[in-house]
Amino acid sequence: MHPYLGRGASVGAISTSLLPEDRARFHEALDAARCAGDTEAEQVALERWRGIALLQADPDRYAATVRRIAERKTGRPVPRDEPLSVTRRTAGL
């Protein structure tokens, strides 16, 4: 069962649903907003990363989406054995 990722999702639910390589970036963005004392920036960061977590909660669907973006950007098919991290860089993600 996936954690709740609707509006008002917890920081933990968002973090858990992110790819491991994105968790640190999420927490850095949230910490920066909190340290600035900017509650609006904190809510914006939470919503942005909640959207990313929704996409990443289904790893196969996320990988397929990233592949399509990379293919549109380059005009070439992505090799099936290409690591997701490489495809994400190509896609600008």
PDB file of N, CA and C in Angstrom:
ATOM      1  N   MET A   1       0.838  -1.189   0.000  1.00  0.00           N
ATOM      2  CA  MET A   1       0.000   0.000   0.000  1.00  0.00           C
ATOM      3  C   MET A   1       0.877   1.244   0.000  1.00  0.00           C
ATOM      4  N   HIS A   2       0.558   2.181  -0.878  1.00  0.00           N
ATOM      5  CA  HIS A   2       1.311   3.429  -0.960  1.00  0.00           C
ATOM      6  C   HIS A   2       0.821   4.396   0.112  1.00  0.00           C
ATOM      7  N   PRO A   3       1.725   5.244   0.608  1.00  0.00           N
ATOM      8  CA  PRO A   3       1.283   6.254   1.569  1.00  0.00           C
ATOM      9  C   PRO A   3       0.355   7.269   0.894  1.00  0.00           C
ATOM     10  N   TYR A   4      -0.416   7.950   1.693  1.00  0.00           N
ATOM     11  CA  TYR A   4      -1.333   8.974   1.195  1.00  0.00           C
ATOM     12  C   TYR A   4      -0.526  10.124   0.612  1.00  0.00           C
ATOM     13  N   LEU A   5      -0.809  10.462  -0.670  1.00  0.00           N
ATOM     14  CA  LEU A   5      -0.095  11.551  -1.323  1.00  0.00           C
ATOM     15  C   LEU A   5      -1.033  12.641  -1.837  1.00  0.00           C
ATOM     16  N   GLY A   6      -2.230  12.701  -1.257  1.00  0.00           N
ATOM     17  CA  GLY A   6      -3.153  13.775  -1.621  1.00  0.00           C
ATOM     18  C   GLY A   6      -2.738  15.076  -0.957  1.00  0.00           C
ATOM     19  N   ARG A   7      -3.511  16.119  -1.202  1.00  0.00           N
ATOM     20  CA  ARG A   7      -3.203  17.420  -0.571  1.00  0.00           C
ATOM     21  C   ARG A   7      -3.083  17.226   0.934  1.00  0.00           C
ATOM     22  N   GLY A   8      -2.079  17.858   1.485  1.00  0.00           N
ATOM     23  CA  GLY A   8      -1.849  17.742   2.915  1.00  0.00           C
ATOM     24  C   GLY A   8      -1.054  16.508   3.310  1.00  0.00           C
ATOM     25  N   ALA A   9      -0.468  15.815   2.329  1.00  0.00           N
ATOM     26  CA  ALA A   9       0.342  14.623   2.621  1.00  0.00           C
ATOM     27  C   ALA A   9       1.489  15.004   3.552  1.00  0.00           C
ATOM     28  N   SER A  10       1.863  14.074   4.378  1.00  0.00           N
ATOM     29  CA  SER A  10       2.936  14.335   5.337  1.00  0.00           C
ATOM     30  C   SER A  10       4.293  14.361   4.659  1.00  0.00           C
ATOM     31  N   VAL A  11       5.236  14.997   5.323  1.00  0.00           N
ATOM     32  CA  VAL A  11       6.618  15.028   4.838  1.00  0.00           C
ATOM     33  C   VAL A  11       7.135  13.600   4.701  1.00  0.00           C
ATOM     34  N   GLY A  12       6.825  12.752   5.658  1.00  0.00           N
ATOM     35  CA  GLY A  12       7.268  11.361   5.615  1.00  0.00           C
ATOM     36  C   GLY A  12       6.701  10.602   4.433  1.00  0.00           C
ATOM     37  N   ALA A  13       5.424  10.814   4.136  1.00  0.00           N
ATOM     38  CA  ALA A  13       4.799  10.130   2.997  1.00  0.00           C
ATOM     39  C   ALA A  13       5.438  10.580   1.688  1.00  0.00           C
ATOM     40  N   ILE A  14       5.697  11.866   1.575  1.00  0.00           N
ATOM     41  CA  ILE A  14       6.331  12.387   0.366  1.00  0.00           C
ATOM     42  C   ILE A  14       7.736  11.802   0.236  1.00  0.00           C
ATOM     43  N   SER A  15       8.493  11.868   1.301  1.00  0.00           N
ATOM     44  CA  SER A  15       9.875  11.376   1.288  1.00  0.00           C
ATOM     45  C   SER A  15       9.941   9.893   0.935  1.00  0.00           C
ATOM     46  N   THR A  16       9.065   9.106   1.530  1.00  0.00           N
ATOM     47  CA  THR A  16       9.039   7.663   1.294  1.00  0.00           C
ATOM     48  C   THR A  16       8.751   7.323  -0.165  1.00  0.00           C
ATOM     49  N   SER A  17       7.961   8.148  -0.827  1.00  0.00           N
ATOM     50  CA  SER A  17       7.557   7.871  -2.202  1.00  0.00           C
ATOM     51  C   SER A  17       8.563   8.353  -3.243  1.00  0.00           C
ATOM     52  N   LEU A  18       9.530   9.144  -2.815  1.00  0.00           N
ATOM     53  CA  LEU A  18      10.541   9.641  -3.745  1.00  0.00           C
ATOM     54  C   LEU A  18      11.623   8.601  -3.978  1.00  0.00           C
ATOM     55  N   LEU A  19      12.256   8.686  -5.140  1.00  0.00           N
ATOM     56  CA  LEU A  19      13.428   7.860  -5.393  1.00  0.00           C
ATOM     57  C   LEU A  19      14.511   8.249  -4.393  1.00  0.00           C
ATOM     58  N   PRO A  20      15.306   7.305  -3.952  1.00  0.00           N
ATOM     59  CA  PRO A  20      16.338   7.616  -2.950  1.00  0.00           C
ATOM     60  C   PRO A  20      17.213   8.812  -3.328  1.00  0.00           C
ATOM     61  N   GLU A  21      17.564   8.946  -4.603  1.00  0.00           N
ATOM     62  CA  GLU A  21      18.424  10.043  -5.014  1.00  0.00           C
ATOM     63  C   GLU A  21      17.731  11.402  -4.950  1.00  0.00           C
ATOM     64  N   ASP A  22      16.423  11.440  -4.826  1.00  0.00           N
ATOM     65  CA  ASP A  22      15.697  12.705  -4.716  1.00  0.00           C
ATOM     66  C   ASP A  22      15.335  13.077  -3.276  1.00  0.00           C
ATOM     67  N   ARG A  23      15.426  12.146  -2.371  1.00  0.00           N
ATOM     68  CA  ARG A  23      15.030  12.430  -0.987  1.00  0.00           C
ATOM     69  C   ARG A  23      15.863  13.555  -0.367  1.00  0.00           C
ATOM     70  N   ALA A  24      17.165  13.526  -0.582  1.00  0.00           N
ATOM     71  CA  ALA A  24      18.024  14.565  -0.003  1.00  0.00           C
ATOM     72  C   ALA A  24      17.673  15.933  -0.590  1.00  0.00           C
ATOM     73  N   ARG A  25      17.419  15.985  -1.897  1.00  0.00           N
ATOM     74  CA  ARG A  25      17.047  17.257  -2.531  1.00  0.00           C
ATOM     75  C   ARG A  25      15.736  17.786  -1.959  1.00  0.00           C
ATOM     76  N   PHE A  26      14.789  16.887  -1.721  1.00  0.00           N
ATOM     77  CA  PHE A  26      13.508  17.270  -1.118  1.00  0.00           C
ATOM     78  C   PHE A  26      13.724  17.876   0.272  1.00  0.00           C
ATOM     79  N   HIS A  27      14.483  17.183   1.094  1.00  0.00           N
ATOM     80  CA  HIS A  27      14.695  17.668   2.457  1.00  0.00           C
ATOM     81  C   HIS A  27      15.508  18.962   2.475  1.00  0.00           C
ATOM     82  N   GLU A  28      16.446  19.121   1.545  1.00  0.00           N
ATOM     83  CA  GLU A  28      17.202  20.375   1.454  1.00  0.00           C
ATOM     84  C   GLU A  28      16.286  21.539   1.092  1.00  0.00           C
ATOM     85  N   ALA A  29      15.392  21.330   0.132  1.00  0.00           N
ATOM     86  CA  ALA A  29      14.462  22.384  -0.279  1.00  0.00           C
ATOM     87  C   ALA A  29      13.531  22.762   0.869  1.00  0.00           C
ATOM     88  N   LEU A  30      13.053  21.761   1.569  1.00  0.00           N
ATOM     89  CA  LEU A  30      12.149  22.009   2.698  1.00  0.00           C
ATOM     90  C   LEU A  30      12.882  22.710   3.834  1.00  0.00           C
ATOM     91  N   ASP A  31      14.074  22.257   4.144  1.00  0.00           N
ATOM     92  CA  ASP A  31      14.866  22.881   5.207  1.00  0.00           C
ATOM     93  C   ASP A  31      15.200  24.328   4.880  1.00  0.00           C
ATOM     94  N   ALA A  32      15.524  24.620   3.623  1.00  0.00           N
ATOM     95  CA  ALA A  32      15.847  25.992   3.223  1.00  0.00           C
ATOM     96  C   ALA A  32      14.640  26.905   3.442  1.00  0.00           C
ATOM     97  N   ALA A  33      13.466  26.438   3.073  1.00  0.00           N
ATOM     98  CA  ALA A  33      12.253  27.240   3.270  1.00  0.00           C
ATOM     99  C   ALA A  33      11.967  27.431   4.753  1.00  0.00           C
ATOM    100  N   ARG A  34      12.148  26.383   5.520  1.00  0.00           N
ATOM    101  CA  ARG A  34      11.893  26.475   6.963  1.00  0.00           C
ATOM    102  C   ARG A  34      12.884  27.404   7.647  1.00  0.00           C
ATOM    103  N   CYS A  35      14.161  27.312   7.268  1.00  0.00           N
ATOM    104  CA  CYS A  35      15.193  28.164   7.874  1.00  0.00           C
ATOM    105  C   CYS A  35      14.950  29.631   7.549  1.00  0.00           C
ATOM    106  N   ALA A  36      14.391  29.894   6.382  1.00  0.00           N
ATOM    107  CA  ALA A  36      14.076  31.265   5.990  1.00  0.00           C
ATOM    108  C   ALA A  36      12.819  31.764   6.698  1.00  0.00           C
ATOM    109  N   GLY A  37      12.114  30.857   7.352  1.00  0.00           N
ATOM    110  CA  GLY A  37      10.882  31.226   8.036  1.00  0.00           C
ATOM    111  C   GLY A  37       9.766  31.593   7.079  1.00  0.00           C
ATOM    112  N   ASP A  38       9.853  31.080   5.880  1.00  0.00           N
ATOM    113  CA  ASP A  38       8.897  31.411   4.826  1.00  0.00           C
ATOM    114  C   ASP A  38       7.892  30.271   4.682  1.00  0.00           C
ATOM    115  N   THR A  39       6.750  30.403   5.332  1.00  0.00           N
ATOM    116  CA  THR A  39       5.759  29.332   5.302  1.00  0.00           C
ATOM    117  C   THR A  39       5.169  29.140   3.908  1.00  0.00           C
ATOM    118  N   GLU A  40       5.080  30.215   3.136  1.00  0.00           N
ATOM    119  CA  GLU A  40       4.569  30.078   1.769  1.00  0.00           C
ATOM    120  C   GLU A  40       5.555  29.273   0.921  1.00  0.00           C
ATOM    121  N   ALA A  41       6.839  29.561   1.042  1.00  0.00           N
ATOM    122  CA  ALA A  41       7.857  28.802   0.302  1.00  0.00           C
ATOM    123  C   ALA A  41       7.868  27.346   0.755  1.00  0.00           C
ATOM    124  N   GLU A  42       7.610  27.122   2.024  1.00  0.00           N
ATOM    125  CA  GLU A  42       7.546  25.744   2.534  1.00  0.00           C
ATOM    126  C   GLU A  42       6.387  24.995   1.893  1.00  0.00           C
ATOM    127  N   GLN A  43       5.230  25.630   1.783  1.00  0.00           N
ATOM    128  CA  GLN A  43       4.068  24.988   1.161  1.00  0.00           C
ATOM    129  C   GLN A  43       4.297  24.747  -0.332  1.00  0.00           C
ATOM    130  N   VAL A  44       4.950  25.698  -0.995  1.00  0.00           N
ATOM    131  CA  VAL A  44       5.264  25.540  -2.420  1.00  0.00           C
ATOM    132  C   VAL A  44       6.201  24.348  -2.604  1.00  0.00           C
ATOM    133  N   ALA A  45       7.224  24.242  -1.758  1.00  0.00           N
ATOM    134  CA  ALA A  45       8.170  23.122  -1.847  1.00  0.00           C
ATOM    135  C   ALA A  45       7.452  21.797  -1.596  1.00  0.00           C
ATOM    136  N   LEU A  46       6.597  21.765  -0.578  1.00  0.00           N
ATOM    137  CA  LEU A  46       5.858  20.533  -0.288  1.00  0.00           C
ATOM    138  C   LEU A  46       4.990  20.120  -1.477  1.00  0.00           C
ATOM    139  N   GLU A  47       4.295  21.067  -2.075  1.00  0.00           N
ATOM    140  CA  GLU A  47       3.417  20.740  -3.205  1.00  0.00           C
ATOM    141  C   GLU A  47       4.220  20.304  -4.421  1.00  0.00           C
ATOM    142  N   ARG A  48       5.331  20.977  -4.687  1.00  0.00           N
ATOM    143  CA  ARG A  48       6.165  20.594  -5.829  1.00  0.00           C
ATOM    144  C   ARG A  48       6.657  19.164  -5.664  1.00  0.00           C
ATOM    145  N   TRP A  49       7.193  18.869  -4.490  1.00  0.00           N
ATOM    146  CA  TRP A  49       7.750  17.542  -4.256  1.00  0.00           C
ATOM    147  C   TRP A  49       6.660  16.489  -4.081  1.00  0.00           C
ATOM    148  N   ARG A  50       5.479  16.893  -3.636  1.00  0.00           N
ATOM    149  CA  ARG A  50       4.362  15.946  -3.556  1.00  0.00           C
ATOM    150  C   ARG A  50       4.004  15.476  -4.958  1.00  0.00           C
ATOM    151  N   GLY A  51       4.000  16.410  -5.923  1.00  0.00           N
ATOM    152  CA  GLY A  51       3.730  16.053  -7.307  1.00  0.00           C
ATOM    153  C   GLY A  51       4.774  15.091  -7.860  1.00  0.00           C
ATOM    154  N   ILE A  52       6.029  15.340  -7.539  1.00  0.00           N
ATOM    155  CA  ILE A  52       7.095  14.444  -7.980  1.00  0.00           C
ATOM    156  C   ILE A  52       6.924  13.079  -7.327  1.00  0.00           C
ATOM    157  N   ALA A  53       6.580  13.072  -6.045  1.00  0.00           N
ATOM    158  CA  ALA A  53       6.375  11.801  -5.334  1.00  0.00           C
ATOM    159  C   ALA A  53       5.225  11.013  -5.943  1.00  0.00           C
ATOM    160  N   LEU A  54       4.168  11.707  -6.357  1.00  0.00           N
ATOM    161  CA  LEU A  54       3.053  11.020  -7.021  1.00  0.00           C
ATOM    162  C   LEU A  54       3.528  10.311  -8.283  1.00  0.00           C
ATOM    163  N   LEU A  55       4.381  10.968  -9.050  1.00  0.00           N
ATOM    164  CA  LEU A  55       4.916  10.348 -10.264  1.00  0.00           C
ATOM    165  C   LEU A  55       5.829   9.173  -9.926  1.00  0.00           C
ATOM    166  N   GLN A  56       6.676   9.360  -8.930  1.00  0.00           N
ATOM    167  CA  GLN A  56       7.666   8.345  -8.603  1.00  0.00           C
ATOM    168  C   GLN A  56       7.110   7.190  -7.784  1.00  0.00           C
ATOM    169  N   ALA A  57       5.908   7.321  -7.264  1.00  0.00           N
ATOM    170  CA  ALA A  57       5.314   6.251  -6.458  1.00  0.00           C
ATOM    171  C   ALA A  57       5.118   4.975  -7.271  1.00  0.00           C
ATOM    172  N   ASP A  58       4.999   5.114  -8.583  1.00  0.00           N
ATOM    173  CA  ASP A  58       4.900   3.962  -9.487  1.00  0.00           C
ATOM    174  C   ASP A  58       6.170   3.960 -10.329  1.00  0.00           C
ATOM    175  N   PRO A  59       7.216   3.270  -9.869  1.00  0.00           N
ATOM    176  CA  PRO A  59       8.530   3.335 -10.535  1.00  0.00           C
ATOM    177  C   PRO A  59       8.513   2.973 -12.020  1.00  0.00           C
ATOM    178  N   ASP A  60       7.722   1.990 -12.416  1.00  0.00           N
ATOM    179  CA  ASP A  60       7.673   1.606 -13.834  1.00  0.00           C
ATOM    180  C   ASP A  60       7.053   2.714 -14.682  1.00  0.00           C
ATOM    181  N   ARG A  61       5.978   3.267 -14.202  1.00  0.00           N
ATOM    182  CA  ARG A  61       5.319   4.349 -14.938  1.00  0.00           C
ATOM    183  C   ARG A  61       6.214   5.588 -14.983  1.00  0.00           C
ATOM    184  N   TYR A  62       6.900   5.859 -13.881  1.00  0.00           N
ATOM    185  CA  TYR A  62       7.812   6.997 -13.841  1.00  0.00           C
ATOM    186  C   TYR A  62       8.942   6.808 -14.860  1.00  0.00           C
ATOM    187  N   ALA A  63       9.537   5.626 -14.883  1.00  0.00           N
ATOM    188  CA  ALA A  63      10.626   5.349 -15.825  1.00  0.00           C
ATOM    189  C   ALA A  63      10.152   5.514 -17.265  1.00  0.00           C
ATOM    190  N   ALA A  64       8.948   5.043 -17.561  1.00  0.00           N
ATOM    191  CA  ALA A  64       8.401   5.179 -18.910  1.00  0.00           C
ATOM    192  C   ALA A  64       8.190   6.652 -19.271  1.00  0.00           C
ATOM    193  N   THR A  65       7.727   7.435 -18.318  1.00  0.00           N
ATOM    194  CA  THR A  65       7.522   8.872 -18.543  1.00  0.00           C
ATOM    195  C   THR A  65       8.850   9.566 -18.806  1.00  0.00           C
ATOM    196  N   VAL A  66       9.855   9.235 -18.015  1.00  0.00           N
ATOM    197  CA  VAL A  66      11.180   9.836 -18.186  1.00  0.00           C
ATOM    198  C   VAL A  66      11.742   9.472 -19.558  1.00  0.00           C
ATOM    199  N   ARG A  67      11.560   8.228 -19.960  1.00  0.00           N
ATOM    200  CA  ARG A  67      12.032   7.787 -21.277  1.00  0.00           C
ATOM    201  C   ARG A  67      11.363   8.598 -22.393  1.00  0.00           C
ATOM    202  N   ARG A  68      10.051   8.784 -22.295  1.00  0.00           N
ATOM    203  CA  ARG A  68       9.331   9.554 -23.321  1.00  0.00           C
ATOM    204  C   ARG A  68       9.836  10.992 -23.389  1.00  0.00           C
ATOM    205  N   ILE A  69      10.072  11.602 -22.240  1.00  0.00           N
ATOM    206  CA  ILE A  69      10.579  12.984 -22.216  1.00  0.00           C
ATOM    207  C   ILE A  69      11.957  13.043 -22.871  1.00  0.00           C
ATOM    208  N   ALA A  70      12.832  12.109 -22.515  1.00  0.00           N
ATOM    209  CA  ALA A  70      14.179  12.086 -23.091  1.00  0.00           C
ATOM    210  C   ALA A  70      14.117  11.876 -24.604  1.00  0.00           C
ATOM    211  N   GLU A  71      13.233  10.999 -25.042  1.00  0.00           N
ATOM    212  CA  GLU A  71      13.106  10.741 -26.476  1.00  0.00           C
ATOM    213  C   GLU A  71      12.596  11.966 -27.227  1.00  0.00           C
ATOM    214  N   ARG A  72      11.674  12.691 -26.628  1.00  0.00           N
ATOM    215  CA  ARG A  72      11.167  13.920 -27.264  1.00  0.00           C
ATOM    216  C   ARG A  72      12.251  14.980 -27.340  1.00  0.00           C
ATOM    217  N   LYS A  73      13.059  15.084 -26.279  1.00  0.00           N
ATOM    218  CA  LYS A  73      14.129  16.092 -26.267  1.00  0.00           C
ATOM    219  C   LYS A  73      15.214  15.791 -27.278  1.00  0.00           C
ATOM    220  N   THR A  74      15.546  14.530 -27.444  1.00  0.00           N
ATOM    221  CA  THR A  74      16.669  14.167 -28.311  1.00  0.00           C
ATOM    222  C   THR A  74      16.237  13.743 -29.713  1.00  0.00           C
ATOM    223  N   GLY A  75      14.984  13.332 -29.857  1.00  0.00           N
ATOM    224  CA  GLY A  75      14.518  12.823 -31.133  1.00  0.00           C
ATOM    225  C   GLY A  75      15.024  11.418 -31.440  1.00  0.00           C
ATOM    226  N   ARG A  76      15.581  10.762 -30.405  1.00  0.00           N
ATOM    227  CA  ARG A  76      16.114   9.399 -30.574  1.00  0.00           C
ATOM    228  C   ARG A  76      15.547   8.499 -29.488  1.00  0.00           C
ATOM    229  N   PRO A  77      15.393   7.213 -29.800  1.00  0.00           N
ATOM    230  CA  PRO A  77      14.938   6.287 -28.756  1.00  0.00           C
ATOM    231  C   PRO A  77      16.002   6.115 -27.673  1.00  0.00           C
ATOM    232  N   VAL A  78      15.543   5.879 -26.474  1.00  0.00           N
ATOM    233  CA  VAL A  78      16.444   5.621 -25.346  1.00  0.00           C
ATOM    234  C   VAL A  78      16.753   4.127 -25.331  1.00  0.00           C
ATOM    235  N   PRO A  79      18.030   3.756 -25.271  1.00  0.00           N
ATOM    236  CA  PRO A  79      18.356   2.327 -25.204  1.00  0.00           C
ATOM    237  C   PRO A  79      17.688   1.673 -23.989  1.00  0.00           C
ATOM    238  N   ARG A  80      17.149   0.487 -24.164  1.00  0.00           N
ATOM    239  CA  ARG A  80      16.429  -0.221 -23.095  1.00  0.00           C
ATOM    240  C   ARG A  80      17.290  -0.447 -21.852  1.00  0.00           C
ATOM    241  N   ASP A  81      18.610  -0.600 -22.052  1.00  0.00           N
ATOM    242  CA  ASP A  81      19.491  -0.900 -20.917  1.00  0.00           C
ATOM    243  C   ASP A  81      20.111   0.360 -20.297  1.00  0.00           C
ATOM    244  N   GLU A  82      19.685   1.527 -20.763  1.00  0.00           N
ATOM    245  CA  GLU A  82      20.241   2.761 -20.213  1.00  0.00           C
ATOM    246  C   GLU A  82      19.756   2.960 -18.772  1.00  0.00           C
ATOM    247  N   PRO A  83      20.658   3.246 -17.835  1.00  0.00           N
ATOM    248  CA  PRO A  83      20.238   3.483 -16.450  1.00  0.00           C
ATOM    249  C   PRO A  83      19.289   4.686 -16.362  1.00  0.00           C
ATOM    250  N   LEU A  84      18.339   4.605 -15.462  1.00  0.00           N
ATOM    251  CA  LEU A  84      17.366   5.678 -15.279  1.00  0.00           C
ATOM    252  C   LEU A  84      18.063   6.994 -14.954  1.00  0.00           C
ATOM    253  N   SER A  85      19.140   6.962 -14.196  1.00  0.00           N
ATOM    254  CA  SER A  85      19.844   8.193 -13.833  1.00  0.00           C
ATOM    255  C   SER A  85      20.357   8.917 -15.088  1.00  0.00           C
ATOM    256  N   VAL A  86      20.810   8.171 -16.068  1.00  0.00           N
ATOM    257  CA  VAL A  86      21.296   8.763 -17.318  1.00  0.00           C
ATOM    258  C   VAL A  86      20.115   9.345 -18.100  1.00  0.00           C
ATOM    259  N   THR A  87      19.046   8.588 -18.188  1.00  0.00           N
ATOM    260  CA  THR A  87      17.858   9.047 -18.908  1.00  0.00           C
ATOM    261  C   THR A  87      17.287  10.299 -18.252  1.00  0.00           C
ATOM    262  N   ARG A  88      17.297  10.339 -16.934  1.00  0.00           N
ATOM    263  CA  ARG A  88      16.809  11.533 -16.221  1.00  0.00           C
ATOM    264  C   ARG A  88      17.642  12.758 -16.563  1.00  0.00           C
ATOM    265  N   ARG A  89      18.951  12.620 -16.634  1.00  0.00           N
ATOM    266  CA  ARG A  89      19.813  13.752 -17.007  1.00  0.00           C
ATOM    267  C   ARG A  89      19.481  14.208 -18.427  1.00  0.00           C
ATOM    268  N   THR A  90      19.300  13.258 -19.335  1.00  0.00           N
ATOM    269  CA  THR A  90      18.950  13.601 -20.713  1.00  0.00           C
ATOM    270  C   THR A  90      17.623  14.348 -20.757  1.00  0.00           C
ATOM    271  N   ALA A  91      16.691  13.924 -19.935  1.00  0.00           N
ATOM    272  CA  ALA A  91      15.366  14.544 -19.891  1.00  0.00           C
ATOM    273  C   ALA A  91      15.366  15.868 -19.127  1.00  0.00           C
ATOM    274  N   GLY A  92      16.449  16.167 -18.444  1.00  0.00           N
ATOM    275  CA  GLY A  92      16.515  17.398 -17.652  1.00  0.00           C
ATOM    276  C   GLY A  92      15.824  17.282 -16.313  1.00  0.00           C
ATOM    277  N   LEU A  93      15.747  16.056 -15.800  1.00  0.00           N
ATOM    278  CA  LEU A  93      15.071  15.819 -14.527  1.00  0.00           C
ATOM    279  C   LEU A  93      16.088  15.440 -13.475  1.00  0.00           C
TER     280      LEU A  93
END
